[in-house]
Structure formats: structure tokens, C-alpha cells
Amino acid sequence: MDKLREKLNTLRAEIDAATERAETAEQALKQMEEQQTERDQELISYQNRIRRLEEEAQMREDQLDEAKQVQKDNEATLNESDVLIKKVMTLEEKLDDAENKLREALESIRKYDLENEGLQRRITQLEKDREDDERKYEELNEKYLANKNELEGTIKMLETI
């Protein structure tokens, strides 16, 4: 009888431990899903920023083309050399500024592309981890149900004694 009680207590302890592990796994899974959601939102934010930077780069290129066209038009129409030289210098400064801004924008785009790739790898790893946790949870749940059934069988057997 004492051995049976001892076995019953051992089974209860195992069930409690399995339940606790299952709850821990569920909590870890929930946390990973929340992290996944945060990463997805962060990725969308980066993608939007990249799109805006690409649009800005295109706008700068258009401005550069326009400045070059203005420079050509001014060269063709102006006769006074001093005025022409002054405008050319101004346009070259604007061109340099636009090229610098374009370089900065392209560098930012490259940087965000690298960050995006890193985030994609992290998302893939988190999804794999989540699948592993779900598999572990299912295994623990199966063990829990088996132990529960065994405990119920033992209790029924004890009741018949």
C-alpha cells in the first residue's frame, strides 16, 4: 500500500513537472510570437524608409538633371562672361551638393538592405525556434496526457482495492 502511495505521489510530481514545463514552453512560444510580430513591424518600417530614400534619391537625380539643363540653357543664352561664370559656379556647387546627398542616400539604402537581410535571417531563426518549441510542447503534452491516464488508472485500481 505504501509503495502504491509512493508511486502515486511520484506520478503526481511528474505530472506537475510536466505541466510546469508545458506552461513554460507555452509562455516561451508566446514571447517568441510577440518578438516575431515586433520584428515584422520593424521590417515593414525599414522597407518604408528604404522606399522613401529611393524616392528621395530619384528626386535628387531629377534635380541634378534639371540643374544640368539649366546650366546648358544659361550657357547658350548668356553673353556676358562674368554672369555666366557666376551661374556655372553656383550650379556646380548645387551639383556637388546633390551628388553628395545622392551618395548619402545610396549609402543609407545599402545600410538598410544589410539590416533587412539580418532581420530576415533573425525572422527565419525565430520561426524555426517557434516550430521547435511547438514540437516540444506537443511532446510534453503527450507525456502529460499519458501520465494523467496512467494516474487515473492507478487511482481506479486503488479505489477497487
N, C-alpha and C. Protein backbone atom coordinates (compact mmCIF):
# COMPACT_ATOMS: atom_id res chain seq x y z
N MET A 1 0.83 -1.19 0.00
CA MET A 1 0.00 0.00 0.00
C MET A 1 0.88 1.26 0.00
N ASP A 2 1.95 1.24 0.84
CA ASP A 2 2.85 2.39 0.88
C ASP A 2 3.57 2.58 -0.46
N LYS A 3 3.91 1.46 -1.07
CA LYS A 3 4.59 1.55 -2.37
C LYS A 3 3.66 2.17 -3.40
N LEU A 4 2.40 1.80 -3.32
CA LEU A 4 1.42 2.33 -4.25
C LEU A 4 1.23 3.83 -4.03
N ARG A 5 1.16 4.23 -2.78
CA ARG A 5 1.05 5.66 -2.47
C ARG A 5 2.30 6.41 -2.95
N GLU A 6 3.43 5.77 -2.71
CA GLU A 6 4.69 6.38 -3.13
C GLU A 6 4.72 6.55 -4.66
N LYS A 7 4.28 5.51 -5.36
CA LYS A 7 4.23 5.58 -6.82
C LYS A 7 3.24 6.66 -7.28
N LEU A 8 2.09 6.72 -6.58
CA LEU A 8 1.08 7.73 -6.89
C LEU A 8 1.64 9.14 -6.68
N ASN A 9 2.35 9.34 -5.59
CA ASN A 9 2.97 10.65 -5.32
C ASN A 9 4.03 10.98 -6.37
N THR A 10 4.79 9.97 -6.76
CA THR A 10 5.81 10.17 -7.79
C THR A 10 5.15 10.57 -9.11
N LEU A 11 4.06 9.89 -9.46
CA LEU A 11 3.35 10.22 -10.70
C LEU A 11 2.77 11.63 -10.63
N ARG A 12 2.23 11.99 -9.49
CA ARG A 12 1.70 13.35 -9.35
C ARG A 12 2.81 14.39 -9.53
N ALA A 13 3.97 14.12 -8.93
CA ALA A 13 5.09 15.05 -9.07
C ALA A 13 5.52 15.16 -10.53
N GLU A 14 5.54 14.02 -11.23
CA GLU A 14 5.91 14.04 -12.65
C GLU A 14 4.89 14.82 -13.47
N ILE A 15 3.62 14.63 -13.14
CA ILE A 15 2.56 15.37 -13.85
C ILE A 15 2.70 16.86 -13.59
N ASP A 16 2.94 17.23 -12.33
CA ASP A 16 3.13 18.65 -12.00
C ASP A 16 4.32 19.22 -12.76
N ALA A 17 5.41 18.46 -12.80
CA ALA A 17 6.61 18.93 -13.51
C ALA A 17 6.33 19.06 -15.01
N ALA A 18 5.61 18.08 -15.57
CA ALA A 18 5.29 18.14 -17.00
C ALA A 18 4.37 19.32 -17.29
N THR A 19 3.42 19.56 -16.40
CA THR A 19 2.51 20.70 -16.57
C THR A 19 3.30 22.00 -16.52
N GLU A 20 4.22 22.09 -15.57
CA GLU A 20 5.03 23.32 -15.45
C GLU A 20 5.89 23.53 -16.69
N ARG A 21 6.48 22.44 -17.20
CA ARG A 21 7.30 22.56 -18.41
C ARG A 21 6.44 22.98 -19.60
N ALA A 22 5.24 22.42 -19.68
CA ALA A 22 4.34 22.78 -20.78
C ALA A 22 3.95 24.25 -20.69
N GLU A 23 3.66 24.73 -19.48
CA GLU A 23 3.31 26.15 -19.31
C GLU A 23 4.50 27.04 -19.67
N THR A 24 5.70 26.62 -19.27
CA THR A 24 6.90 27.38 -19.61
C THR A 24 7.09 27.43 -21.12
N ALA A 25 6.88 26.29 -21.77
CA ALA A 25 7.02 26.25 -23.24
C ALA A 25 5.98 27.13 -23.91
N GLU A 26 4.74 27.11 -23.39
CA GLU A 26 3.70 27.97 -23.96
C GLU A 26 4.07 29.44 -23.79
N GLN A 27 4.59 29.78 -22.63
CA GLN A 27 4.97 31.18 -22.37
C GLN A 27 6.12 31.59 -23.29
N ALA A 28 7.10 30.69 -23.47
CA ALA A 28 8.22 31.00 -24.36
C ALA A 28 7.73 31.16 -25.80
N LEU A 29 6.79 30.31 -26.20
CA LEU A 29 6.23 30.41 -27.55
C LEU A 29 5.51 31.73 -27.73
N LYS A 30 4.73 32.13 -26.75
CA LYS A 30 4.01 33.40 -26.83
C LYS A 30 4.99 34.57 -26.94
N GLN A 31 6.06 34.50 -26.15
CA GLN A 31 7.06 35.58 -26.18
C GLN A 31 7.74 35.63 -27.56
N MET A 32 8.03 34.46 -28.11
CA MET A 32 8.67 34.44 -29.44
C MET A 32 7.72 34.97 -30.51
N GLU A 33 6.45 34.64 -30.38
CA GLU A 33 5.48 35.17 -31.35
C GLU A 33 5.39 36.68 -31.25
N GLU A 34 5.45 37.22 -30.02
CA GLU A 34 5.44 38.67 -29.85
C GLU A 34 6.69 39.29 -30.46
N GLN A 35 7.84 38.64 -30.24
CA GLN A 35 9.09 39.14 -30.84
C GLN A 35 9.00 39.09 -32.36
N GLN A 36 8.40 38.02 -32.88
CA GLN A 36 8.24 37.89 -34.33
C GLN A 36 7.40 39.04 -34.88
N THR A 37 6.32 39.37 -34.17
CA THR A 37 5.45 40.47 -34.59
C THR A 37 6.23 41.78 -34.58
N GLU A 38 7.01 41.99 -33.51
CA GLU A 38 7.81 43.22 -33.44
C GLU A 38 8.80 43.29 -34.59
N ARG A 39 9.45 42.17 -34.89
CA ARG A 39 10.42 42.14 -35.99
C ARG A 39 9.73 42.41 -37.33
N ASP A 40 8.54 41.84 -37.50
CA ASP A 40 7.80 42.09 -38.74
C ASP A 40 7.48 43.57 -38.90
N GLN A 41 7.05 44.20 -37.80
CA GLN A 41 6.73 45.63 -37.85
C GLN A 41 7.99 46.45 -38.12
N GLU A 42 9.10 46.04 -37.51
CA GLU A 42 10.36 46.75 -37.72
C GLU A 42 10.81 46.61 -39.18
N LEU A 43 10.63 45.41 -39.74
CA LEU A 43 10.99 45.17 -41.13
C LEU A 43 10.15 46.05 -42.06
N ILE A 44 8.86 46.14 -41.80
CA ILE A 44 7.98 46.99 -42.61
C ILE A 44 8.43 48.44 -42.52
N SER A 45 8.81 48.86 -41.32
CA SER A 45 9.29 50.24 -41.13
C SER A 45 10.55 50.48 -41.96
N TYR A 46 11.47 49.51 -41.93
CA TYR A 46 12.70 49.66 -42.72
C TYR A 46 12.40 49.68 -44.21
N GLN A 47 11.47 48.83 -44.63
CA GLN A 47 11.12 48.81 -46.05
C GLN A 47 10.51 50.13 -46.49
N ASN A 48 9.67 50.71 -45.64
CA ASN A 48 9.08 52.02 -45.97
C ASN A 48 10.16 53.09 -46.04
N ARG A 49 11.10 53.02 -45.11
CA ARG A 49 12.17 54.02 -45.11
C ARG A 49 13.04 53.88 -46.36
N ILE A 50 13.33 52.64 -46.73
CA ILE A 50 14.12 52.41 -47.95
C ILE A 50 13.39 52.98 -49.16
N ARG A 51 12.07 52.74 -49.22
CA ARG A 51 11.28 53.25 -50.35
C ARG A 51 11.35 54.77 -50.39
N ARG A 52 11.22 55.42 -49.21
CA ARG A 52 11.29 56.89 -49.17
C ARG A 52 12.68 57.38 -49.60
N LEU A 53 13.72 56.69 -49.16
CA LEU A 53 15.07 57.09 -49.55
C LEU A 53 15.29 56.91 -51.05
N GLU A 54 14.75 55.85 -51.61
CA GLU A 54 14.86 55.65 -53.06
C GLU A 54 14.13 56.75 -53.81
N GLU A 55 12.95 57.13 -53.30
CA GLU A 55 12.21 58.23 -53.93
C GLU A 55 13.00 59.53 -53.83
N GLU A 56 13.60 59.75 -52.67
CA GLU A 56 14.40 60.97 -52.49
C GLU A 56 15.60 60.96 -53.43
N ALA A 57 16.24 59.79 -53.57
CA ALA A 57 17.38 59.68 -54.48
C ALA A 57 16.94 59.99 -55.92
N GLN A 58 15.78 59.49 -56.31
CA GLN A 58 15.26 59.77 -57.65
C GLN A 58 14.98 61.26 -57.81
N MET A 59 14.41 61.87 -56.76
CA MET A 59 14.13 63.30 -56.82
C MET A 59 15.44 64.09 -56.98
N ARG A 60 16.47 63.65 -56.23
CA ARG A 60 17.77 64.34 -56.33
C ARG A 60 18.36 64.18 -57.73
N GLU A 61 18.21 63.00 -58.30
CA GLU A 61 18.71 62.80 -59.66
C GLU A 61 17.97 63.70 -60.65
N ASP A 62 16.66 63.81 -60.46
CA ASP A 62 15.87 64.69 -61.32
C ASP A 62 16.32 66.15 -61.17
N GLN A 63 16.56 66.55 -59.92
CA GLN A 63 17.04 67.91 -59.67
C GLN A 63 18.40 68.13 -60.33
N LEU A 64 19.23 67.10 -60.23
CA LEU A 64 20.55 67.18 -60.85
C LEU A 64 20.42 67.34 -62.37
N ASP A 65 19.56 66.54 -62.97
CA ASP A 65 19.33 66.65 -64.42
C ASP A 65 18.80 68.04 -64.77
N GLU A 66 17.87 68.53 -63.94
CA GLU A 66 17.31 69.86 -64.18
C GLU A 66 18.38 70.93 -64.05
N ALA A 67 19.23 70.79 -63.03
CA ALA A 67 20.30 71.77 -62.84
C ALA A 67 21.27 71.75 -64.03
N LYS A 68 21.56 70.55 -64.50
CA LYS A 68 22.43 70.46 -65.67
C LYS A 68 21.78 71.11 -66.89
N GLN A 69 20.47 70.89 -67.04
CA GLN A 69 19.76 71.50 -68.17
C GLN A 69 19.75 73.02 -68.04
N VAL A 70 19.52 73.51 -66.83
CA VAL A 70 19.54 74.97 -66.61
C VAL A 70 20.92 75.51 -66.94
N GLN A 71 21.93 74.78 -66.52
CA GLN A 71 23.30 75.22 -66.80
C GLN A 71 23.52 75.30 -68.32
N LYS A 72 23.06 74.30 -69.04
CA LYS A 72 23.22 74.30 -70.50
C LYS A 72 22.44 75.46 -71.14
N ASP A 73 21.21 75.65 -70.66
CA ASP A 73 20.39 76.74 -71.20
C ASP A 73 21.05 78.10 -70.94
N ASN A 74 21.57 78.27 -69.74
CA ASN A 74 22.22 79.53 -69.39
C ASN A 74 23.47 79.77 -70.22
N GLU A 75 24.21 78.73 -70.45
CA GLU A 75 25.42 78.88 -71.27
C GLU A 75 25.06 79.30 -72.70
N ALA A 76 23.97 78.78 -73.21
CA ALA A 76 23.58 79.09 -74.59
C ALA A 76 23.02 80.50 -74.73
N THR A 77 22.39 81.02 -73.69
CA THR A 77 21.69 82.30 -73.82
C THR A 77 22.46 83.50 -73.27
N LEU A 78 23.35 83.29 -72.36
CA LEU A 78 24.04 84.44 -71.75
C LEU A 78 25.29 84.83 -72.55
N ASN A 79 25.45 86.12 -72.74
CA ASN A 79 26.61 86.61 -73.48
C ASN A 79 27.68 87.16 -72.56
N GLU A 80 27.30 87.61 -71.43
CA GLU A 80 28.28 88.23 -70.54
C GLU A 80 29.03 87.13 -69.79
N SER A 81 30.31 87.13 -69.90
CA SER A 81 31.12 86.07 -69.33
C SER A 81 31.10 86.06 -67.80
N ASP A 82 31.08 87.22 -67.15
CA ASP A 82 31.07 87.26 -65.68
C ASP A 82 29.81 86.62 -65.12
N VAL A 83 28.66 86.94 -65.70
CA VAL A 83 27.39 86.39 -65.23
C VAL A 83 27.37 84.88 -65.47
N LEU A 84 27.87 84.49 -66.64
CA LEU A 84 27.90 83.07 -66.99
C LEU A 84 28.78 82.29 -66.02
N ILE A 85 29.94 82.79 -65.72
CA ILE A 85 30.86 82.12 -64.81
C ILE A 85 30.24 81.98 -63.42
N LYS A 86 29.59 83.04 -62.95
CA LYS A 86 28.97 83.02 -61.63
C LYS A 86 27.87 81.96 -61.56
N LYS A 87 27.02 81.89 -62.59
CA LYS A 87 25.94 80.92 -62.60
C LYS A 87 26.47 79.49 -62.69
N VAL A 88 27.51 79.30 -63.50
CA VAL A 88 28.10 77.97 -63.63
C VAL A 88 28.65 77.51 -62.28
N MET A 89 29.33 78.40 -61.59
CA MET A 89 29.88 78.05 -60.28
C MET A 89 28.76 77.68 -59.30
N THR A 90 27.69 78.44 -59.35
CA THR A 90 26.55 78.16 -58.46
C THR A 90 25.95 76.79 -58.78
N LEU A 91 25.78 76.53 -60.06
CA LEU A 91 25.21 75.24 -60.46
C LEU A 91 26.14 74.08 -60.10
N GLU A 92 27.43 74.28 -60.25
CA GLU A 92 28.38 73.23 -59.88
C GLU A 92 28.33 72.94 -58.39
N GLU A 93 28.17 73.99 -57.60
CA GLU A 93 28.03 73.79 -56.15
C GLU A 93 26.76 73.00 -55.84
N LYS A 94 25.67 73.37 -56.52
CA LYS A 94 24.42 72.64 -56.32
C LYS A 94 24.57 71.19 -56.77
N LEU A 95 25.27 71.01 -57.89
CA LEU A 95 25.51 69.66 -58.39
C LEU A 95 26.31 68.84 -57.39
N ASP A 96 27.37 69.44 -56.84
CA ASP A 96 28.17 68.74 -55.83
C ASP A 96 27.32 68.38 -54.62
N ASP A 97 26.50 69.33 -54.18
CA ASP A 97 25.61 69.06 -53.04
C ASP A 97 24.64 67.92 -53.36
N ALA A 98 24.07 67.97 -54.54
CA ALA A 98 23.12 66.93 -54.94
C ALA A 98 23.81 65.57 -55.04
N GLU A 99 25.02 65.54 -55.60
CA GLU A 99 25.76 64.29 -55.70
C GLU A 99 26.10 63.75 -54.32
N ASN A 100 26.49 64.64 -53.41
CA ASN A 100 26.79 64.21 -52.04
C ASN A 100 25.54 63.64 -51.36
N LYS A 101 24.42 64.32 -51.54
CA LYS A 101 23.17 63.83 -50.95
C LYS A 101 22.78 62.50 -51.57
N LEU A 102 23.00 62.37 -52.87
CA LEU A 102 22.69 61.11 -53.55
C LEU A 102 23.57 59.99 -53.00
N ARG A 103 24.86 60.25 -52.84
CA ARG A 103 25.76 59.24 -52.27
C ARG A 103 25.32 58.83 -50.87
N GLU A 104 24.95 59.82 -50.08
CA GLU A 104 24.49 59.53 -48.72
C GLU A 104 23.21 58.70 -48.75
N ALA A 105 22.30 59.04 -49.64
CA ALA A 105 21.05 58.29 -49.75
C ALA A 105 21.32 56.86 -50.19
N LEU A 106 22.21 56.68 -51.16
CA LEU A 106 22.54 55.34 -51.62
C LEU A 106 23.23 54.53 -50.53
N GLU A 107 24.09 55.18 -49.76
CA GLU A 107 24.75 54.51 -48.64
C GLU A 107 23.72 54.09 -47.59
N SER A 108 22.76 54.95 -47.34
CA SER A 108 21.69 54.62 -46.39
C SER A 108 20.89 53.42 -46.90
N ILE A 109 20.61 53.42 -48.19
CA ILE A 109 19.85 52.30 -48.77
C ILE A 109 20.64 51.00 -48.60
N ARG A 110 21.93 51.03 -48.88
CA ARG A 110 22.76 49.83 -48.71
C ARG A 110 22.74 49.37 -47.25
N LYS A 111 22.85 50.33 -46.35
CA LYS A 111 22.84 50.01 -44.91
C LYS A 111 21.52 49.33 -44.53
N TYR A 112 20.40 49.88 -44.99
CA TYR A 112 19.11 49.30 -44.64
C TYR A 112 18.90 47.95 -45.31
N ASP A 113 19.46 47.77 -46.50
CA ASP A 113 19.39 46.46 -47.15
C ASP A 113 20.11 45.41 -46.30
N LEU A 114 21.29 45.77 -45.77
CA LEU A 114 22.03 44.84 -44.92
C LEU A 114 21.25 44.55 -43.64
N GLU A 115 20.68 45.58 -43.05
CA GLU A 115 19.87 45.38 -41.84
C GLU A 115 18.66 44.50 -42.15
N ASN A 116 18.07 44.73 -43.30
CA ASN A 116 16.91 43.95 -43.71
C ASN A 116 17.29 42.47 -43.85
N GLU A 117 18.45 42.20 -44.45
CA GLU A 117 18.89 40.82 -44.59
C GLU A 117 19.12 40.19 -43.22
N GLY A 118 19.74 40.94 -42.31
CA GLY A 118 19.94 40.44 -40.96
C GLY A 118 18.63 40.13 -40.27
N LEU A 119 17.66 41.01 -40.45
CA LEU A 119 16.34 40.79 -39.84
C LEU A 119 15.66 39.57 -40.46
N GLN A 120 15.81 39.40 -41.76
CA GLN A 120 15.21 38.23 -42.41
C GLN A 120 15.81 36.94 -41.84
N ARG A 121 17.14 36.93 -41.64
CA ARG A 121 17.77 35.75 -41.05
C ARG A 121 17.25 35.53 -39.64
N ARG A 122 17.11 36.60 -38.88
CA ARG A 122 16.61 36.51 -37.50
C ARG A 122 15.16 35.98 -37.49
N ILE A 123 14.35 36.46 -38.42
CA ILE A 123 12.96 36.00 -38.52
C ILE A 123 12.94 34.51 -38.83
N THR A 124 13.77 34.08 -39.76
CA THR A 124 13.83 32.67 -40.11
C THR A 124 14.22 31.83 -38.90
N GLN A 125 15.21 32.30 -38.14
CA GLN A 125 15.64 31.58 -36.95
C GLN A 125 14.53 31.54 -35.91
N LEU A 126 13.84 32.66 -35.72
CA LEU A 126 12.74 32.70 -34.74
C LEU A 126 11.62 31.75 -35.15
N GLU A 127 11.32 31.69 -36.44
CA GLU A 127 10.29 30.76 -36.91
C GLU A 127 10.71 29.32 -36.65
N LYS A 128 11.98 29.01 -36.89
CA LYS A 128 12.49 27.66 -36.63
C LYS A 128 12.40 27.36 -35.14
N ASP A 129 12.82 28.32 -34.31
CA ASP A 129 12.75 28.14 -32.86
C ASP A 129 11.30 27.92 -32.41
N ARG A 130 10.38 28.69 -33.00
CA ARG A 130 8.97 28.55 -32.65
C ARG A 130 8.48 27.15 -33.00
N GLU A 131 8.86 26.66 -34.19
CA GLU A 131 8.45 25.31 -34.58
C GLU A 131 9.02 24.26 -33.63
N ASP A 132 10.28 24.44 -33.23
CA ASP A 132 10.90 23.53 -32.27
C ASP A 132 10.15 23.56 -30.94
N ASP A 133 9.81 24.75 -30.49
CA ASP A 133 9.08 24.89 -29.22
C ASP A 133 7.69 24.26 -29.32
N GLU A 134 7.03 24.43 -30.45
CA GLU A 134 5.72 23.80 -30.64
C GLU A 134 5.83 22.28 -30.61
N ARG A 135 6.87 21.77 -31.26
CA ARG A 135 7.10 20.32 -31.26
C ARG A 135 7.36 19.83 -29.84
N LYS A 136 8.22 20.54 -29.09
CA LYS A 136 8.50 20.18 -27.70
C LYS A 136 7.23 20.24 -26.86
N TYR A 137 6.43 21.27 -27.10
CA TYR A 137 5.17 21.40 -26.35
C TYR A 137 4.27 20.21 -26.62
N GLU A 138 4.16 19.79 -27.88
CA GLU A 138 3.33 18.64 -28.22
C GLU A 138 3.85 17.38 -27.53
N GLU A 139 5.17 17.20 -27.53
CA GLU A 139 5.74 16.03 -26.87
C GLU A 139 5.44 16.04 -25.37
N LEU A 140 5.63 17.19 -24.75
CA LEU A 140 5.35 17.31 -23.31
C LEU A 140 3.87 17.09 -23.04
N ASN A 141 3.02 17.60 -23.89
CA ASN A 141 1.58 17.42 -23.71
C ASN A 141 1.21 15.95 -23.83
N GLU A 142 1.82 15.25 -24.80
CA GLU A 142 1.56 13.82 -24.94
C GLU A 142 2.02 13.06 -23.70
N LYS A 143 3.20 13.40 -23.19
CA LYS A 143 3.69 12.76 -21.96
C LYS A 143 2.75 13.07 -20.80
N TYR A 144 2.31 14.31 -20.74
CA TYR A 144 1.39 14.71 -19.67
C TYR A 144 0.11 13.89 -19.73
N LEU A 145 -0.47 13.78 -20.93
CA LEU A 145 -1.71 13.01 -21.08
C LEU A 145 -1.49 11.53 -20.75
N ALA A 146 -0.35 10.98 -21.15
CA ALA A 146 -0.05 9.58 -20.84
C ALA A 146 0.07 9.40 -19.33
N ASN A 147 0.78 10.30 -18.68
CA ASN A 147 0.94 10.23 -17.22
C ASN A 147 -0.41 10.41 -16.53
N LYS A 148 -1.22 11.29 -17.06
CA LYS A 148 -2.54 11.54 -16.48
C LYS A 148 -3.39 10.28 -16.58
N ASN A 149 -3.38 9.65 -17.76
CA ASN A 149 -4.15 8.41 -17.95
C ASN A 149 -3.63 7.31 -17.02
N GLU A 150 -2.32 7.21 -16.90
CA GLU A 150 -1.73 6.21 -16.02
C GLU A 150 -2.13 6.48 -14.58
N LEU A 151 -2.12 7.75 -14.17
CA LEU A 151 -2.52 8.12 -12.82
C LEU A 151 -3.98 7.78 -12.58
N GLU A 152 -4.84 8.10 -13.54
CA GLU A 152 -6.27 7.78 -13.40
C GLU A 152 -6.48 6.27 -13.29
N GLY A 153 -5.72 5.51 -14.07
CA GLY A 153 -5.81 4.05 -13.99
C GLY A 153 -5.37 3.56 -12.62
N THR A 154 -4.30 4.15 -12.11
CA THR A 154 -3.79 3.77 -10.79
C THR A 154 -4.81 4.12 -9.71
N ILE A 155 -5.41 5.29 -9.82
CA ILE A 155 -6.42 5.72 -8.84
C ILE A 155 -7.61 4.77 -8.88
N LYS A 156 -8.07 4.40 -10.07
CA LYS A 156 -9.19 3.46 -10.19
C LYS A 156 -8.83 2.11 -9.58
N MET A 157 -7.59 1.69 -9.82
CA MET A 157 -7.13 0.43 -9.26
C MET A 157 -7.11 0.50 -7.74
N LEU A 158 -6.65 1.65 -7.21
CA LEU A 158 -6.61 1.83 -5.76
C LEU A 158 -8.02 1.85 -5.18
N GLU A 159 -8.93 2.44 -5.91
CA GLU A 159 -10.32 2.50 -5.43
C GLU A 159 -10.95 1.11 -5.38
N THR A 160 -10.54 0.25 -6.26
CA THR A 160 -11.10 -1.11 -6.26
C THR A 160 -10.50 -1.95 -5.14
N ILE A 161 -9.34 -1.53 -4.65
CA ILE A 161 -8.67 -2.29 -3.58
C ILE A 161 -9.26 -2.01 -2.24
